[in-house]
Amino acid sequence: MADSVVLMPKRRTKDVPDQELIFTAPKGGILHSNGWSRIWLRASSRSAPFGLD
């Protein structure tokens, strides 16, 4: 992963408490792996027309 990709969430979460969730499920709470897959597939299909796939 590019350094810039790693640094962006570090910068944006510098004031977030250690135990706080950064990525949550659509209705809040823990995002489980099966939920992440659905969200990732949706996001990647929506970004494809912009060359971001």
PDB file of N, CA and C in Angstrom:
ATOM      1  N   MET A   1       0.839  -1.165   0.000  1.00  0.00           N
ATOM      2  CA  MET A   1       0.000   0.000   0.000  1.00  0.00           C
ATOM      3  C   MET A   1       0.895   1.242   0.000  1.00  0.00           C
ATOM      4  N   ALA A   2       0.510   2.221  -0.752  1.00  0.00           N
ATOM      5  CA  ALA A   2       1.292   3.462  -0.831  1.00  0.00           C
ATOM      6  C   ALA A   2       1.295   4.178   0.516  1.00  0.00           C
ATOM      7  N   ASP A   3       2.408   4.840   0.825  1.00  0.00           N
ATOM      8  CA  ASP A   3       2.518   5.578   2.085  1.00  0.00           C
ATOM      9  C   ASP A   3       1.384   6.587   2.256  1.00  0.00           C
ATOM     10  N   SER A   4       0.993   7.252   1.150  1.00  0.00           N
ATOM     11  CA  SER A   4      -0.065   8.257   1.243  1.00  0.00           C
ATOM     12  C   SER A   4      -1.396   7.626   1.654  1.00  0.00           C
ATOM     13  N   VAL A   5      -1.617   6.376   1.254  1.00  0.00           N
ATOM     14  CA  VAL A   5      -2.855   5.679   1.623  1.00  0.00           C
ATOM     15  C   VAL A   5      -2.846   5.350   3.110  1.00  0.00           C
ATOM     16  N   VAL A   6      -1.695   5.015   3.637  1.00  0.00           N
ATOM     17  CA  VAL A   6      -1.568   4.695   5.060  1.00  0.00           C
ATOM     18  C   VAL A   6      -1.644   5.967   5.904  1.00  0.00           C
ATOM     19  N   LEU A   7      -1.052   7.028   5.444  1.00  0.00           N
ATOM     20  CA  LEU A   7      -0.997   8.274   6.225  1.00  0.00           C
ATOM     21  C   LEU A   7      -2.340   8.984   6.325  1.00  0.00           C
ATOM     22  N   MET A   8      -3.164   8.900   5.299  1.00  0.00           N
ATOM     23  CA  MET A   8      -4.444   9.612   5.301  1.00  0.00           C
ATOM     24  C   MET A   8      -5.310   9.214   6.494  1.00  0.00           C
ATOM     25  N   PRO A   9      -5.587   7.926   6.730  1.00  0.00           N
ATOM     26  CA  PRO A   9      -6.409   7.617   7.904  1.00  0.00           C
ATOM     27  C   PRO A   9      -5.718   7.940   9.223  1.00  0.00           C
ATOM     28  N   LYS A  10      -4.400   7.857   9.256  1.00  0.00           N
ATOM     29  CA  LYS A  10      -3.683   8.221  10.484  1.00  0.00           C
ATOM     30  C   LYS A  10      -3.905   9.687  10.808  1.00  0.00           C
ATOM     31  N   ARG A  11      -3.824  10.550   9.795  1.00  0.00           N
ATOM     32  CA  ARG A  11      -4.040  11.985  10.009  1.00  0.00           C
ATOM     33  C   ARG A  11      -5.479  12.268  10.424  1.00  0.00           C
ATOM     34  N   ARG A  12      -6.417  11.626   9.759  1.00  0.00           N
ATOM     35  CA  ARG A  12      -7.834  11.901  10.023  1.00  0.00           C
ATOM     36  C   ARG A  12      -8.318  11.330  11.344  1.00  0.00           C
ATOM     37  N   THR A  13      -7.581  10.401  11.929  1.00  0.00           N
ATOM     38  CA  THR A  13      -8.023   9.781  13.179  1.00  0.00           C
ATOM     39  C   THR A  13      -7.114  10.107  14.358  1.00  0.00           C
ATOM     40  N   LYS A  14      -6.275  11.109  14.213  1.00  0.00           N
ATOM     41  CA  LYS A  14      -5.310  11.408  15.270  1.00  0.00           C
ATOM     42  C   LYS A  14      -5.977  11.777  16.597  1.00  0.00           C
ATOM     43  N   ASP A  15      -7.180  12.333  16.556  1.00  0.00           N
ATOM     44  CA  ASP A  15      -7.878  12.718  17.781  1.00  0.00           C
ATOM     45  C   ASP A  15      -8.941  11.704  18.215  1.00  0.00           C
ATOM     46  N   VAL A  16      -8.994  10.567  17.539  1.00  0.00           N
ATOM     47  CA  VAL A  16      -9.980   9.533  17.868  1.00  0.00           C
ATOM     48  C   VAL A  16      -9.420   8.653  18.986  1.00  0.00           C
ATOM     49  N   PRO A  17     -10.194   8.418  20.035  1.00  0.00           N
ATOM     50  CA  PRO A  17      -9.717   7.546  21.119  1.00  0.00           C
ATOM     51  C   PRO A  17      -9.342   6.155  20.588  1.00  0.00           C
ATOM     52  N   ASP A  18      -8.385   5.508  21.233  1.00  0.00           N
ATOM     53  CA  ASP A  18      -7.863   4.218  20.772  1.00  0.00           C
ATOM     54  C   ASP A  18      -8.932   3.148  20.585  1.00  0.00           C
ATOM     55  N   GLN A  19      -9.934   3.100  21.435  1.00  0.00           N
ATOM     56  CA  GLN A  19     -10.943   2.043  21.355  1.00  0.00           C
ATOM     57  C   GLN A  19     -12.138   2.418  20.469  1.00  0.00           C
ATOM     58  N   GLU A  20     -12.117   3.585  19.866  1.00  0.00           N
ATOM     59  CA  GLU A  20     -13.229   4.048  19.036  1.00  0.00           C
ATOM     60  C   GLU A  20     -13.179   3.353  17.668  1.00  0.00           C
ATOM     61  N   LEU A  21     -14.357   3.031  17.122  1.00  0.00           N
ATOM     62  CA  LEU A  21     -14.433   2.428  15.791  1.00  0.00           C
ATOM     63  C   LEU A  21     -14.213   3.498  14.733  1.00  0.00           C
ATOM     64  N   ILE A  22     -13.436   3.176  13.729  1.00  0.00           N
ATOM     65  CA  ILE A  22     -13.197   4.104  12.623  1.00  0.00           C
ATOM     66  C   ILE A  22     -14.149   3.784  11.474  1.00  0.00           C
ATOM     67  N   PHE A  23     -14.250   2.514  11.131  1.00  0.00           N
ATOM     68  CA  PHE A  23     -15.164   2.062  10.089  1.00  0.00           C
ATOM     69  C   PHE A  23     -16.293   1.310  10.769  1.00  0.00           C
ATOM     70  N   THR A  24     -17.517   1.769  10.556  1.00  0.00           N
ATOM     71  CA  THR A  24     -18.659   1.148  11.210  1.00  0.00           C
ATOM     72  C   THR A  24     -19.629   0.582  10.172  1.00  0.00           C
ATOM     73  N   ALA A  25     -20.511  -0.263  10.640  1.00  0.00           N
ATOM     74  CA  ALA A  25     -21.573  -0.796   9.794  1.00  0.00           C
ATOM     75  C   ALA A  25     -22.498   0.352   9.386  1.00  0.00           C
ATOM     76  N   PRO A  26     -23.290   0.174   8.337  1.00  0.00           N
ATOM     77  CA  PRO A  26     -24.165   1.263   7.875  1.00  0.00           C
ATOM     78  C   PRO A  26     -25.067   1.843   8.965  1.00  0.00           C
ATOM     79  N   LYS A  27     -25.491   1.018   9.902  1.00  0.00           N
ATOM     80  CA  LYS A  27     -26.343   1.523  10.986  1.00  0.00           C
ATOM     81  C   LYS A  27     -25.561   1.710  12.276  1.00  0.00           C
ATOM     82  N   GLY A  28     -24.240   1.754  12.184  1.00  0.00           N
ATOM     83  CA  GLY A  28     -23.387   1.910  13.352  1.00  0.00           C
ATOM     84  C   GLY A  28     -22.939   0.563  13.888  1.00  0.00           C
ATOM     85  N   GLY A  29     -22.030   0.571  14.810  1.00  0.00           N
ATOM     86  CA  GLY A  29     -21.539  -0.664  15.402  1.00  0.00           C
ATOM     87  C   GLY A  29     -20.428  -1.303  14.592  1.00  0.00           C
ATOM     88  N   ILE A  30     -20.095  -2.515  14.974  1.00  0.00           N
ATOM     89  CA  ILE A  30     -18.970  -3.222  14.372  1.00  0.00           C
ATOM     90  C   ILE A  30     -19.299  -3.641  12.947  1.00  0.00           C
ATOM     91  N   LEU A  31     -18.353  -3.415  12.053  1.00  0.00           N
ATOM     92  CA  LEU A  31     -18.477  -3.831  10.662  1.00  0.00           C
ATOM     93  C   LEU A  31     -17.805  -5.187  10.524  1.00  0.00           C
ATOM     94  N   HIS A  32     -18.596  -6.221  10.351  1.00  0.00           N
ATOM     95  CA  HIS A  32     -18.059  -7.573  10.215  1.00  0.00           C
ATOM     96  C   HIS A  32     -17.579  -7.803   8.792  1.00  0.00           C
ATOM     97  N   SER A  33     -16.762  -8.823   8.591  1.00  0.00           N
ATOM     98  CA  SER A  33     -16.143  -9.067   7.289  1.00  0.00           C
ATOM     99  C   SER A  33     -17.168  -9.243   6.179  1.00  0.00           C
ATOM    100  N   ASN A  34     -18.294  -9.897   6.432  1.00  0.00           N
ATOM    101  CA  ASN A  34     -19.277 -10.064   5.360  1.00  0.00           C
ATOM    102  C   ASN A  34     -19.925  -8.729   4.986  1.00  0.00           C
ATOM    103  N   GLY A  35     -20.094  -7.838   5.938  1.00  0.00           N
ATOM    104  CA  GLY A  35     -20.611  -6.504   5.647  1.00  0.00           C
ATOM    105  C   GLY A  35     -19.606  -5.677   4.873  1.00  0.00           C
ATOM    106  N   TRP A  36     -18.343  -5.829   5.217  1.00  0.00           N
ATOM    107  CA  TRP A  36     -17.283  -5.093   4.522  1.00  0.00           C
ATOM    108  C   TRP A  36     -17.244  -5.493   3.055  1.00  0.00           C
ATOM    109  N   SER A  37     -17.397  -6.780   2.778  1.00  0.00           N
ATOM    110  CA  SER A  37     -17.374  -7.260   1.391  1.00  0.00           C
ATOM    111  C   SER A  37     -18.470  -6.603   0.571  1.00  0.00           C
ATOM    112  N   ARG A  38     -19.681  -6.536   1.119  1.00  0.00           N
ATOM    113  CA  ARG A  38     -20.790  -5.907   0.389  1.00  0.00           C
ATOM    114  C   ARG A  38     -20.516  -4.420   0.152  1.00  0.00           C
ATOM    115  N   ILE A  39     -20.024  -3.730   1.167  1.00  0.00           N
ATOM    116  CA  ILE A  39     -19.745  -2.296   1.033  1.00  0.00           C
ATOM    117  C   ILE A  39     -18.629  -2.061   0.020  1.00  0.00           C
ATOM    118  N   TRP A  40     -17.569  -2.873   0.093  1.00  0.00           N
ATOM    119  CA  TRP A  40     -16.444  -2.728  -0.827  1.00  0.00           C
ATOM    120  C   TRP A  40     -16.886  -2.973  -2.264  1.00  0.00           C
ATOM    121  N   LEU A  41     -17.664  -4.027  -2.503  1.00  0.00           N
ATOM    122  CA  LEU A  41     -18.123  -4.321  -3.864  1.00  0.00           C
ATOM    123  C   LEU A  41     -18.987  -3.184  -4.401  1.00  0.00           C
ATOM    124  N   ARG A  42     -19.860  -2.646  -3.571  1.00  0.00           N
ATOM    125  CA  ARG A  42     -20.709  -1.529  -3.993  1.00  0.00           C
ATOM    126  C   ARG A  42     -19.857  -0.297  -4.320  1.00  0.00           C
ATOM    127  N   ALA A  43     -18.914   0.017  -3.451  1.00  0.00           N
ATOM    128  CA  ALA A  43     -18.070   1.202  -3.665  1.00  0.00           C
ATOM    129  C   ALA A  43     -17.197   1.036  -4.905  1.00  0.00           C
ATOM    130  N   SER A  44     -16.616  -0.132  -5.088  1.00  0.00           N
ATOM    131  CA  SER A  44     -15.732  -0.326  -6.234  1.00  0.00           C
ATOM    132  C   SER A  44     -16.515  -0.306  -7.544  1.00  0.00           C
ATOM    133  N   SER A  45     -17.738  -0.828  -7.557  1.00  0.00           N
ATOM    134  CA  SER A  45     -18.525  -0.787  -8.796  1.00  0.00           C
ATOM    135  C   SER A  45     -18.949   0.646  -9.120  1.00  0.00           C
ATOM    136  N   ARG A  46     -19.210   1.446  -8.100  1.00  0.00           N
ATOM    137  CA  ARG A  46     -19.589   2.845  -8.328  1.00  0.00           C
ATOM    138  C   ARG A  46     -18.400   3.703  -8.763  1.00  0.00           C
ATOM    139  N   SER A  47     -17.199   3.316  -8.374  1.00  0.00           N
ATOM    140  CA  SER A  47     -16.022   4.109  -8.716  1.00  0.00           C
ATOM    141  C   SER A  47     -15.422   3.716 -10.067  1.00  0.00           C
ATOM    142  N   ALA A  48     -15.788   2.558 -10.605  1.00  0.00           N
ATOM    143  CA  ALA A  48     -15.215   2.079 -11.869  1.00  0.00           C
ATOM    144  C   ALA A  48     -15.354   3.078 -13.014  1.00  0.00           C
ATOM    145  N   PRO A  49     -16.506   3.738 -13.195  1.00  0.00           N
ATOM    146  CA  PRO A  49     -16.615   4.685 -14.296  1.00  0.00           C
ATOM    147  C   PRO A  49     -15.622   5.854 -14.206  1.00  0.00           C
ATOM    148  N   PHE A  50     -15.071   6.070 -13.034  1.00  0.00           N
ATOM    149  CA  PHE A  50     -14.124   7.162 -12.829  1.00  0.00           C
ATOM    150  C   PHE A  50     -12.669   6.689 -12.908  1.00  0.00           C
ATOM    151  N   GLY A  51     -12.477   5.416 -13.287  1.00  0.00           N
ATOM    152  CA  GLY A  51     -11.133   4.869 -13.393  1.00  0.00           C
ATOM    153  C   GLY A  51     -10.512   4.519 -12.059  1.00  0.00           C
ATOM    154  N   LEU A  52     -11.338   4.291 -11.038  1.00  0.00           N
ATOM    155  CA  LEU A  52     -10.838   4.030  -9.701  1.00  0.00           C
ATOM    156  C   LEU A  52     -11.026   2.571  -9.290  1.00  0.00           C
ATOM    157  N   ASP A  53     -11.197   1.695 -10.262  1.00  0.00           N
ATOM    158  CA  ASP A  53     -11.424   0.285  -9.920  1.00  0.00           C
ATOM    159  C   ASP A  53     -10.146  -0.473  -9.685  1.00  0.00           C
TER     160      ASP A  53
END
